[in-house]
Amino acid sequence: MADYTKYITIDPDQRSGQPCIRGMRITVYDVLDYLAAGDSVDDILEHFPMLTRDDILACLSYAADAERKFRRIA
């Protein structure tokens, strides 16, 4: 799994503490929502040129890790 900690930031004063990409106002949820709606990585990069492919992969790694942690609790 990729090390998403270099890309995903959590700041209680930004977007209500949601995990964001590199301190920007784009959340992990935003990216995952676009992917779930059928947008490709290239589509997202076209709409958000400040993002990188690594940013998007970090979102997927963050989501996988969150799921893994949730399964341990449940």
N, C-alpha and C. Protein backbone atom coordinates (compact mmCIF):
# COMPACT_ATOMS: atom_id res chain seq x y z
N MET A 1 0.84 -1.17 0.00
CA MET A 1 0.00 0.00 0.00
C MET A 1 0.90 1.24 0.00
N ALA A 2 0.49 2.23 -0.76
CA ALA A 2 1.26 3.48 -0.84
C ALA A 2 1.16 4.25 0.47
N ASP A 3 2.19 5.02 0.78
CA ASP A 3 2.19 5.84 1.99
C ASP A 3 1.40 7.12 1.72
N TYR A 4 0.15 7.11 2.12
CA TYR A 4 -0.72 8.25 1.87
C TYR A 4 -0.46 9.41 2.81
N THR A 5 0.32 9.21 3.87
CA THR A 5 0.51 10.25 4.87
C THR A 5 1.24 11.48 4.32
N LYS A 6 1.93 11.33 3.21
CA LYS A 6 2.59 12.48 2.58
C LYS A 6 1.60 13.33 1.79
N TYR A 7 0.42 12.79 1.54
CA TYR A 7 -0.55 13.46 0.67
C TYR A 7 -1.83 13.88 1.37
N ILE A 8 -2.23 13.14 2.38
CA ILE A 8 -3.51 13.38 3.04
C ILE A 8 -3.26 14.13 4.35
N THR A 9 -3.96 15.26 4.50
CA THR A 9 -3.82 16.07 5.71
C THR A 9 -5.18 16.20 6.38
N ILE A 10 -5.14 16.32 7.69
CA ILE A 10 -6.36 16.54 8.46
C ILE A 10 -6.13 17.73 9.37
N ASP A 11 -6.93 18.77 9.15
CA ASP A 11 -6.84 20.01 9.91
C ASP A 11 -8.24 20.34 10.42
N PRO A 12 -8.43 20.38 11.71
CA PRO A 12 -9.77 20.65 12.26
C PRO A 12 -10.37 21.97 11.78
N ASP A 13 -9.52 22.91 11.35
CA ASP A 13 -10.01 24.21 10.89
C ASP A 13 -10.28 24.25 9.39
N GLN A 14 -10.10 23.14 8.72
CA GLN A 14 -10.33 23.10 7.27
C GLN A 14 -11.31 22.00 6.93
N ARG A 15 -12.36 22.37 6.23
CA ARG A 15 -13.40 21.41 5.79
C ARG A 15 -13.88 20.54 6.95
N SER A 16 -14.05 21.15 8.11
CA SER A 16 -14.56 20.47 9.31
C SER A 16 -13.73 19.25 9.71
N GLY A 17 -12.44 19.32 9.44
CA GLY A 17 -11.55 18.24 9.84
C GLY A 17 -11.57 17.02 8.93
N GLN A 18 -12.21 17.13 7.78
CA GLN A 18 -12.21 16.01 6.84
C GLN A 18 -10.81 15.85 6.25
N PRO A 19 -10.43 14.63 5.91
CA PRO A 19 -9.12 14.42 5.28
C PRO A 19 -9.08 15.09 3.90
N CYS A 20 -8.08 15.93 3.70
CA CYS A 20 -7.92 16.68 2.45
C CYS A 20 -6.60 16.29 1.78
N ILE A 21 -6.47 16.71 0.55
CA ILE A 21 -5.27 16.42 -0.22
C ILE A 21 -4.30 17.58 -0.09
N ARG A 22 -3.14 17.30 0.49
CA ARG A 22 -2.03 18.24 0.63
C ARG A 22 -2.46 19.63 1.11
N GLY A 23 -3.37 19.67 2.07
CA GLY A 23 -3.78 20.95 2.65
C GLY A 23 -4.72 21.76 1.79
N MET A 24 -5.09 21.24 0.62
CA MET A 24 -6.05 21.93 -0.24
C MET A 24 -7.46 21.67 0.29
N ARG A 25 -8.43 22.30 -0.32
CA ARG A 25 -9.81 22.13 0.12
C ARG A 25 -10.50 20.95 -0.58
N ILE A 26 -9.76 20.18 -1.33
CA ILE A 26 -10.30 18.99 -1.99
C ILE A 26 -10.16 17.82 -1.03
N THR A 27 -11.29 17.19 -0.69
CA THR A 27 -11.25 16.10 0.29
C THR A 27 -11.06 14.75 -0.38
N VAL A 28 -10.66 13.80 0.43
CA VAL A 28 -10.56 12.42 -0.02
C VAL A 28 -11.95 11.97 -0.52
N TYR A 29 -12.98 12.34 0.23
CA TYR A 29 -14.34 11.98 -0.16
C TYR A 29 -14.68 12.52 -1.55
N ASP A 30 -14.29 13.76 -1.84
CA ASP A 30 -14.56 14.34 -3.16
C ASP A 30 -14.00 13.46 -4.27
N VAL A 31 -12.73 13.07 -4.10
CA VAL A 31 -12.07 12.26 -5.12
C VAL A 31 -12.73 10.88 -5.23
N LEU A 32 -13.01 10.26 -4.09
CA LEU A 32 -13.64 8.94 -4.12
C LEU A 32 -15.03 9.01 -4.75
N ASP A 33 -15.75 10.10 -4.48
CA ASP A 33 -17.08 10.28 -5.05
C ASP A 33 -17.02 10.39 -6.57
N TYR A 34 -16.03 11.11 -7.09
CA TYR A 34 -15.87 11.21 -8.55
C TYR A 34 -15.53 9.85 -9.14
N LEU A 35 -14.64 9.11 -8.49
CA LEU A 35 -14.28 7.78 -8.99
C LEU A 35 -15.50 6.85 -8.97
N ALA A 36 -16.27 6.91 -7.89
CA ALA A 36 -17.46 6.06 -7.76
C ALA A 36 -18.51 6.41 -8.81
N ALA A 37 -18.54 7.67 -9.23
CA ALA A 37 -19.50 8.10 -10.24
C ALA A 37 -19.07 7.70 -11.65
N GLY A 38 -17.86 7.13 -11.76
CA GLY A 38 -17.40 6.66 -13.06
C GLY A 38 -16.34 7.51 -13.72
N ASP A 39 -15.95 8.60 -13.08
CA ASP A 39 -14.88 9.42 -13.65
C ASP A 39 -13.56 8.64 -13.58
N SER A 40 -12.76 8.80 -14.59
CA SER A 40 -11.44 8.16 -14.59
C SER A 40 -10.45 9.07 -13.87
N VAL A 41 -9.29 8.53 -13.59
CA VAL A 41 -8.23 9.33 -12.98
C VAL A 41 -7.90 10.51 -13.90
N ASP A 42 -7.83 10.25 -15.20
CA ASP A 42 -7.53 11.33 -16.14
C ASP A 42 -8.62 12.39 -16.14
N ASP A 43 -9.90 12.00 -16.01
CA ASP A 43 -10.99 12.97 -15.91
C ASP A 43 -10.80 13.88 -14.71
N ILE A 44 -10.47 13.29 -13.58
CA ILE A 44 -10.29 14.07 -12.35
C ILE A 44 -9.10 15.02 -12.50
N LEU A 45 -8.02 14.53 -13.06
CA LEU A 45 -6.84 15.38 -13.25
C LEU A 45 -7.14 16.53 -14.21
N GLU A 46 -8.00 16.30 -15.17
CA GLU A 46 -8.37 17.37 -16.11
C GLU A 46 -9.20 18.44 -15.39
N HIS A 47 -10.11 18.01 -14.52
CA HIS A 47 -10.97 18.96 -13.80
C HIS A 47 -10.25 19.65 -12.65
N PHE A 48 -9.26 18.99 -12.09
CA PHE A 48 -8.50 19.52 -10.95
C PHE A 48 -7.01 19.45 -11.28
N PRO A 49 -6.52 20.37 -12.10
CA PRO A 49 -5.12 20.29 -12.55
C PRO A 49 -4.09 20.43 -11.44
N MET A 50 -4.52 20.87 -10.25
CA MET A 50 -3.58 20.98 -9.14
C MET A 50 -3.31 19.62 -8.49
N LEU A 51 -4.11 18.62 -8.84
CA LEU A 51 -3.92 17.27 -8.30
C LEU A 51 -2.94 16.49 -9.16
N THR A 52 -2.38 15.47 -8.56
CA THR A 52 -1.49 14.56 -9.29
C THR A 52 -2.06 13.14 -9.21
N ARG A 53 -1.56 12.30 -10.04
CA ARG A 53 -1.96 10.89 -10.01
C ARG A 53 -1.66 10.29 -8.63
N ASP A 54 -0.53 10.67 -8.03
CA ASP A 54 -0.19 10.18 -6.70
C ASP A 54 -1.20 10.65 -5.65
N ASP A 55 -1.74 11.85 -5.80
CA ASP A 55 -2.78 12.33 -4.88
C ASP A 55 -3.99 11.40 -4.91
N ILE A 56 -4.39 11.01 -6.11
CA ILE A 56 -5.57 10.16 -6.27
C ILE A 56 -5.29 8.77 -5.72
N LEU A 57 -4.11 8.24 -5.99
CA LEU A 57 -3.75 6.94 -5.43
C LEU A 57 -3.69 6.99 -3.91
N ALA A 58 -3.25 8.13 -3.37
CA ALA A 58 -3.22 8.29 -1.91
C ALA A 58 -4.64 8.25 -1.34
N CYS A 59 -5.60 8.82 -2.04
CA CYS A 59 -7.00 8.76 -1.60
C CYS A 59 -7.49 7.32 -1.54
N LEU A 60 -7.13 6.55 -2.54
CA LEU A 60 -7.53 5.14 -2.55
C LEU A 60 -6.85 4.37 -1.42
N SER A 61 -5.58 4.65 -1.18
CA SER A 61 -4.87 4.00 -0.08
C SER A 61 -5.47 4.39 1.27
N TYR A 62 -5.82 5.66 1.42
CA TYR A 62 -6.43 6.13 2.66
C TYR A 62 -7.76 5.40 2.89
N ALA A 63 -8.57 5.28 1.85
CA ALA A 63 -9.86 4.60 1.97
C ALA A 63 -9.67 3.12 2.31
N ALA A 64 -8.69 2.47 1.69
CA ALA A 64 -8.43 1.06 1.98
C ALA A 64 -7.99 0.89 3.43
N ASP A 65 -7.15 1.80 3.90
CA ASP A 65 -6.68 1.72 5.28
C ASP A 65 -7.83 1.98 6.26
N ALA A 66 -8.69 2.93 5.95
CA ALA A 66 -9.85 3.21 6.81
C ALA A 66 -10.77 2.00 6.87
N GLU A 67 -10.98 1.34 5.76
CA GLU A 67 -11.82 0.13 5.73
C GLU A 67 -11.18 -0.98 6.57
N ARG A 68 -9.88 -1.14 6.43
CA ARG A 68 -9.15 -2.16 7.19
C ARG A 68 -9.30 -1.90 8.68
N LYS A 69 -9.16 -0.65 9.11
CA LYS A 69 -9.28 -0.30 10.52
C LYS A 69 -10.72 -0.51 10.99
N PHE A 70 -11.69 -0.19 10.15
CA PHE A 70 -13.09 -0.38 10.52
C PHE A 70 -13.39 -1.87 10.74
N ARG A 71 -12.86 -2.71 9.89
CA ARG A 71 -13.10 -4.15 10.02
C ARG A 71 -12.49 -4.70 11.29
N ARG A 72 -11.40 -4.14 11.76
CA ARG A 72 -10.77 -4.59 13.01
C ARG A 72 -11.64 -4.25 14.21
N ILE A 73 -12.33 -3.11 14.13
CA ILE A 73 -13.18 -2.65 15.23
C ILE A 73 -14.47 -3.46 15.27
N ALA A 74 -15.04 -3.73 14.11
CA ALA A 74 -16.35 -4.37 14.03
C ALA A 74 -16.32 -5.83 14.45
